[in-house]
Amino acid sequence: MIYAISDTHIPERALELPRKFTENIKKEDIIFHAGDFTSLKTYRELEKLTSLYAVCGNMDCPEIKEFLPLKIIIELSGFKIGLIHGSGSPFNLAEKVYKEFDEKLDVIIFGHSHSPYNQKKGDTLFFNPGSCAGNLLAWQKSYGILHTDEGKIWGEIAYLK
């Protein structure tokens, strides 16, 4: 499975990662984190679970900002996936993150707004998993799942109760 999360904000807005999320993770899975861990402890916990691709967000601690980039591109299962946090107003955030990449991507995973977003525009899937801490603009805690099959990729938003 390919999971996407963002805006965990631990320990400021949530005490820990939701068990309903972490108990599903297997060693062969992949996690994309689109920034705003806020603590190195959360990064290390995710890193122990499985393969982790991550970028820093605007609220991350200096230790995270020292070693995580602002954006990355990963080639996975024949798809080019851009990972970025995002910044500024959440209005038109998908268009803003699109402009941050110079090359054509199949998927752009982003965070920042804390609100799930799962829309294809042209040939690019814009995917924001929301916040599994369920804060600010998020009406419900959520994370994302990316599915691949027969040369296609699509996203699913999973809500936590």
C-alpha atoms as a PDB file:
ATOM      1  CA  MET A   1       0.000   0.000   0.000  1.00  0.00           C
ATOM      2  CA  ILE A   2       0.991   3.586  -0.570  1.00  0.00           C
ATOM      3  CA  TYR A   3      -0.124   5.917   2.206  1.00  0.00           C
ATOM      4  CA  ALA A   4      -0.053   9.709   2.313  1.00  0.00           C
ATOM      5  CA  ILE A   5      -0.293  11.864   5.426  1.00  0.00           C
ATOM      6  CA  SER A   6       0.397  15.466   6.297  1.00  0.00           C
ATOM      7  CA  ASP A   7       0.063  18.040   9.035  1.00  0.00           C
ATOM      8  CA  THR A   8       0.423  15.658  11.960  1.00  0.00           C
ATOM      9  CA  HIS A   9       1.436  18.532  14.284  1.00  0.00           C
ATOM     10  CA  ILE A  10       2.559  16.259  17.099  1.00  0.00           C
ATOM     11  CA  PRO A  11       2.633  17.049  20.027  1.00  0.00           C
ATOM     12  CA  GLU A  12       1.066  20.508  19.619  1.00  0.00           C
ATOM     13  CA  ARG A  13      -2.306  19.502  18.145  1.00  0.00           C
ATOM     14  CA  ALA A  14      -2.336  15.740  18.626  1.00  0.00           C
ATOM     15  CA  LEU A  15      -0.542  13.582  21.178  1.00  0.00           C
ATOM     16  CA  GLU A  16       0.386  10.753  18.831  1.00  0.00           C
ATOM     17  CA  LEU A  17      -0.218   9.263  15.425  1.00  0.00           C
ATOM     18  CA  PRO A  18      -3.665   7.651  15.241  1.00  0.00           C
ATOM     19  CA  ARG A  19      -3.463   3.932  16.022  1.00  0.00           C
ATOM     20  CA  LYS A  20      -6.098   3.244  13.380  1.00  0.00           C
ATOM     21  CA  PHE A  21      -3.543   4.520  10.867  1.00  0.00           C
ATOM     22  CA  THR A  22      -0.321   3.013  12.265  1.00  0.00           C
ATOM     23  CA  GLU A  23      -1.734  -0.458  12.936  1.00  0.00           C
ATOM     24  CA  ASN A  24      -2.380  -0.908   9.194  1.00  0.00           C
ATOM     25  CA  ILE A  25       1.204  -0.155   8.127  1.00  0.00           C
ATOM     26  CA  LYS A  26       3.341  -3.092   7.004  1.00  0.00           C
ATOM     27  CA  LYS A  27       7.085  -3.122   6.271  1.00  0.00           C
ATOM     28  CA  GLU A  28       6.476  -3.386   2.511  1.00  0.00           C
ATOM     29  CA  ASP A  29       4.224  -0.301   2.461  1.00  0.00           C
ATOM     30  CA  ILE A  30       5.287   3.246   1.627  1.00  0.00           C
ATOM     31  CA  ILE A  31       4.397   6.458   3.439  1.00  0.00           C
ATOM     32  CA  PHE A  32       4.548   9.927   1.923  1.00  0.00           C
ATOM     33  CA  HIS A  33       4.462  12.715   4.526  1.00  0.00           C
ATOM     34  CA  ALA A  34       3.802  16.196   3.109  1.00  0.00           C
ATOM     35  CA  GLY A  35       5.268  18.156   6.017  1.00  0.00           C
ATOM     36  CA  ASP A  36       4.411  19.681   9.359  1.00  0.00           C
ATOM     37  CA  PHE A  37       5.504  16.798  11.553  1.00  0.00           C
ATOM     38  CA  THR A  38       6.529  19.563  13.999  1.00  0.00           C
ATOM     39  CA  SER A  39       8.632  17.095  15.991  1.00  0.00           C
ATOM     40  CA  LEU A  40      11.522  14.855  15.042  1.00  0.00           C
ATOM     41  CA  LYS A  41       9.978  12.116  17.202  1.00  0.00           C
ATOM     42  CA  THR A  42       7.078  11.705  14.777  1.00  0.00           C
ATOM     43  CA  TYR A  43       9.435  11.463  11.806  1.00  0.00           C
ATOM     44  CA  ARG A  44      11.459   8.750  13.595  1.00  0.00           C
ATOM     45  CA  GLU A  45       8.304   6.775  14.484  1.00  0.00           C
ATOM     46  CA  LEU A  46       7.150   6.723  10.861  1.00  0.00           C
ATOM     47  CA  GLU A  47      10.637   5.869   9.635  1.00  0.00           C
ATOM     48  CA  LYS A  48      10.629   2.750  11.839  1.00  0.00           C
ATOM     49  CA  LEU A  49       7.333   1.520  10.386  1.00  0.00           C
ATOM     50  CA  THR A  50       8.235   1.385   6.683  1.00  0.00           C
ATOM     51  CA  SER A  51       9.792   3.308   3.775  1.00  0.00           C
ATOM     52  CA  LEU A  52       9.207   7.009   4.307  1.00  0.00           C
ATOM     53  CA  TYR A  53       9.424   9.857   1.810  1.00  0.00           C
ATOM     54  CA  ALA A  54       8.998  13.261   3.421  1.00  0.00           C
ATOM     55  CA  VAL A  55       9.384  16.995   3.026  1.00  0.00           C
ATOM     56  CA  CYS A  56       9.423  19.723   5.632  1.00  0.00           C
ATOM     57  CA  GLY A  57       6.537  22.076   6.245  1.00  0.00           C
ATOM     58  CA  ASN A  58       6.329  25.643   7.461  1.00  0.00           C
ATOM     59  CA  MET A  59       5.702  24.603  11.086  1.00  0.00           C
ATOM     60  CA  ASP A  60       8.454  21.991  11.368  1.00  0.00           C
ATOM     61  CA  CYS A  61      11.172  22.240  13.995  1.00  0.00           C
ATOM     62  CA  PRO A  62      14.710  23.318  13.003  1.00  0.00           C
ATOM     63  CA  GLU A  63      16.021  19.724  13.282  1.00  0.00           C
ATOM     64  CA  ILE A  64      13.600  18.577  10.575  1.00  0.00           C
ATOM     65  CA  LYS A  65      14.213  21.603   8.363  1.00  0.00           C
ATOM     66  CA  GLU A  66      17.946  20.812   8.477  1.00  0.00           C
ATOM     67  CA  PHE A  67      17.627  17.473   6.690  1.00  0.00           C
ATOM     68  CA  LEU A  68      14.292  17.368   4.861  1.00  0.00           C
ATOM     69  CA  PRO A  69      13.893  19.220   1.550  1.00  0.00           C
ATOM     70  CA  LEU A  70      11.026  21.561   0.649  1.00  0.00           C
ATOM     71  CA  LYS A  71      10.046  19.326  -2.265  1.00  0.00           C
ATOM     72  CA  ILE A  72      11.065  16.060  -3.902  1.00  0.00           C
ATOM     73  CA  ILE A  73      10.157  13.987  -6.940  1.00  0.00           C
ATOM     74  CA  ILE A  74       9.967  10.211  -6.578  1.00  0.00           C
ATOM     75  CA  GLU A  75       9.574   7.674  -9.365  1.00  0.00           C
ATOM     76  CA  LEU A  76       7.429   4.818  -8.123  1.00  0.00           C
ATOM     77  CA  SER A  77       5.723   2.026 -10.080  1.00  0.00           C
ATOM     78  CA  GLY A  78       6.279   3.960 -13.309  1.00  0.00           C
ATOM     79  CA  PHE A  79       4.762   7.193 -11.966  1.00  0.00           C
ATOM     80  CA  LYS A  80       6.417  10.514 -11.189  1.00  0.00           C
ATOM     81  CA  ILE A  81       5.195  11.778  -7.841  1.00  0.00           C
ATOM     82  CA  GLY A  82       5.946  15.244  -6.513  1.00  0.00           C
ATOM     83  CA  LEU A  83       5.836  15.808  -2.762  1.00  0.00           C
ATOM     84  CA  ILE A  84       5.576  19.299  -1.266  1.00  0.00           C
ATOM     85  CA  HIS A  85       3.947  20.923   1.736  1.00  0.00           C
ATOM     86  CA  GLY A  86       2.567  24.150   0.279  1.00  0.00           C
ATOM     87  CA  SER A  87       2.439  27.627   1.763  1.00  0.00           C
ATOM     88  CA  GLY A  88       0.401  30.769   2.121  1.00  0.00           C
ATOM     89  CA  SER A  89      -3.360  30.960   1.845  1.00  0.00           C
ATOM     90  CA  PRO A  90      -5.157  27.651   1.221  1.00  0.00           C
ATOM     91  CA  PHE A  91      -7.090  29.377  -1.601  1.00  0.00           C
ATOM     92  CA  ASN A  92      -5.986  27.871  -4.954  1.00  0.00           C
ATOM     93  CA  LEU A  93      -3.365  25.760  -3.171  1.00  0.00           C
ATOM     94  CA  ALA A  94      -3.356  23.070  -5.899  1.00  0.00           C
ATOM     95  CA  GLU A  95      -2.421  25.659  -8.529  1.00  0.00           C
ATOM     96  CA  LYS A  96       0.305  27.071  -6.268  1.00  0.00           C
ATOM     97  CA  VAL A  97       1.979  23.705  -5.674  1.00  0.00           C
ATOM     98  CA  TYR A  98       1.742  22.861  -9.382  1.00  0.00           C
ATOM     99  CA  LYS A  99       3.837  25.949 -10.180  1.00  0.00           C
ATOM    100  CA  GLU A 100       6.573  24.757  -7.804  1.00  0.00           C
ATOM    101  CA  PHE A 101       7.533  21.865 -10.112  1.00  0.00           C
ATOM    102  CA  ASP A 102       9.249  22.318 -13.475  1.00  0.00           C
ATOM    103  CA  GLU A 103       8.497  18.885 -14.875  1.00  0.00           C
ATOM    104  CA  LYS A 104       5.314  17.037 -15.715  1.00  0.00           C
ATOM    105  CA  LEU A 105       4.155  14.862 -12.816  1.00  0.00           C
ATOM    106  CA  ASP A 106       1.537  12.150 -12.542  1.00  0.00           C
ATOM    107  CA  VAL A 107       0.737  13.035  -8.924  1.00  0.00           C
ATOM    108  CA  ILE A 108       1.419  15.981  -6.633  1.00  0.00           C
ATOM    109  CA  ILE A 109       0.959  15.180  -2.953  1.00  0.00           C
ATOM    110  CA  PHE A 110       0.681  18.267  -0.770  1.00  0.00           C
ATOM    111  CA  GLY A 111      -0.546  19.373   2.640  1.00  0.00           C
ATOM    112  CA  HIS A 112      -0.747  22.712   4.450  1.00  0.00           C
ATOM    113  CA  SER A 113      -4.517  23.293   4.238  1.00  0.00           C
ATOM    114  CA  HIS A 114      -5.400  20.338   6.514  1.00  0.00           C
ATOM    115  CA  SER A 115      -8.315  19.664   4.127  1.00  0.00           C
ATOM    116  CA  PRO A 116      -8.502  16.568   1.917  1.00  0.00           C
ATOM    117  CA  TYR A 117      -8.267  17.205  -1.819  1.00  0.00           C
ATOM    118  CA  ASN A 118      -8.377  14.491  -4.477  1.00  0.00           C
ATOM    119  CA  GLN A 119      -8.831  15.852  -7.987  1.00  0.00           C
ATOM    120  CA  LYS A 120      -7.331  15.180 -11.355  1.00  0.00           C
ATOM    121  CA  LYS A 121      -6.578  18.203 -13.519  1.00  0.00           C
ATOM    122  CA  GLY A 122      -5.341  17.312 -16.961  1.00  0.00           C
ATOM    123  CA  ASP A 123      -2.959  14.401 -16.534  1.00  0.00           C
ATOM    124  CA  THR A 124      -1.981  15.246 -12.942  1.00  0.00           C
ATOM    125  CA  LEU A 125      -3.639  13.998  -9.764  1.00  0.00           C
ATOM    126  CA  PHE A 126      -3.588  16.629  -7.008  1.00  0.00           C
ATOM    127  CA  PHE A 127      -3.748  14.802  -3.697  1.00  0.00           C
ATOM    128  CA  ASN A 128      -3.916  16.303  -0.213  1.00  0.00           C
ATOM    129  CA  PRO A 129      -4.525  13.636   2.452  1.00  0.00           C
ATOM    130  CA  GLY A 130      -5.806  16.202   4.952  1.00  0.00           C
ATOM    131  CA  SER A 131      -4.646  16.022   8.550  1.00  0.00           C
ATOM    132  CA  CYS A 132      -4.674  12.912  10.695  1.00  0.00           C
ATOM    133  CA  ALA A 133      -4.573  15.312  13.661  1.00  0.00           C
ATOM    134  CA  GLY A 134      -7.920  16.755  12.518  1.00  0.00           C
ATOM    135  CA  ASN A 135      -7.196  20.379  13.263  1.00  0.00           C
ATOM    136  CA  LEU A 136      -7.738  23.861  11.855  1.00  0.00           C
ATOM    137  CA  LEU A 137      -9.728  23.590   8.602  1.00  0.00           C
ATOM    138  CA  ALA A 138     -10.151  19.823   8.813  1.00  0.00           C
ATOM    139  CA  TRP A 139     -13.648  18.807   9.840  1.00  0.00           C
ATOM    140  CA  GLN A 140     -12.513  15.221  10.266  1.00  0.00           C
ATOM    141  CA  LYS A 141      -9.194  13.416  10.697  1.00  0.00           C
ATOM    142  CA  SER A 142      -7.984  11.813   7.488  1.00  0.00           C
ATOM    143  CA  TYR A 143      -5.117  10.232   5.572  1.00  0.00           C
ATOM    144  CA  GLY A 144      -4.715   9.156   1.972  1.00  0.00           C
ATOM    145  CA  ILE A 145      -4.170   5.953   0.046  1.00  0.00           C
ATOM    146  CA  LEU A 146      -2.770   5.855  -3.484  1.00  0.00           C
ATOM    147  CA  HIS A 147      -3.780   2.929  -5.663  1.00  0.00           C
ATOM    148  CA  THR A 148      -1.995   1.778  -8.819  1.00  0.00           C
ATOM    149  CA  ASP A 149      -3.247  -0.722 -11.353  1.00  0.00           C
ATOM    150  CA  GLU A 150      -2.708  -1.290 -15.069  1.00  0.00           C
ATOM    151  CA  GLY A 151      -0.812   1.945 -15.606  1.00  0.00           C
ATOM    152  CA  LYS A 152      -3.290   4.090 -13.686  1.00  0.00           C
ATOM    153  CA  ILE A 153      -2.971   5.853 -10.337  1.00  0.00           C
ATOM    154  CA  TRP A 154      -5.764   7.249  -8.192  1.00  0.00           C
ATOM    155  CA  GLY A 155      -6.273   8.476  -4.672  1.00  0.00           C
ATOM    156  CA  GLU A 156      -8.644   7.621  -1.856  1.00  0.00           C
ATOM    157  CA  ILE A 157      -9.252   9.669   1.275  1.00  0.00           C
ATOM    158  CA  ALA A 158      -9.657   7.543   4.423  1.00  0.00           C
ATOM    159  CA  TYR A 159     -11.433   9.161   7.374  1.00  0.00           C
ATOM    160  CA  LEU A 160     -10.624   8.373  10.982  1.00  0.00           C
ATOM    161  CA  LYS A 161     -13.351   8.367  13.617  1.00  0.00           C
END
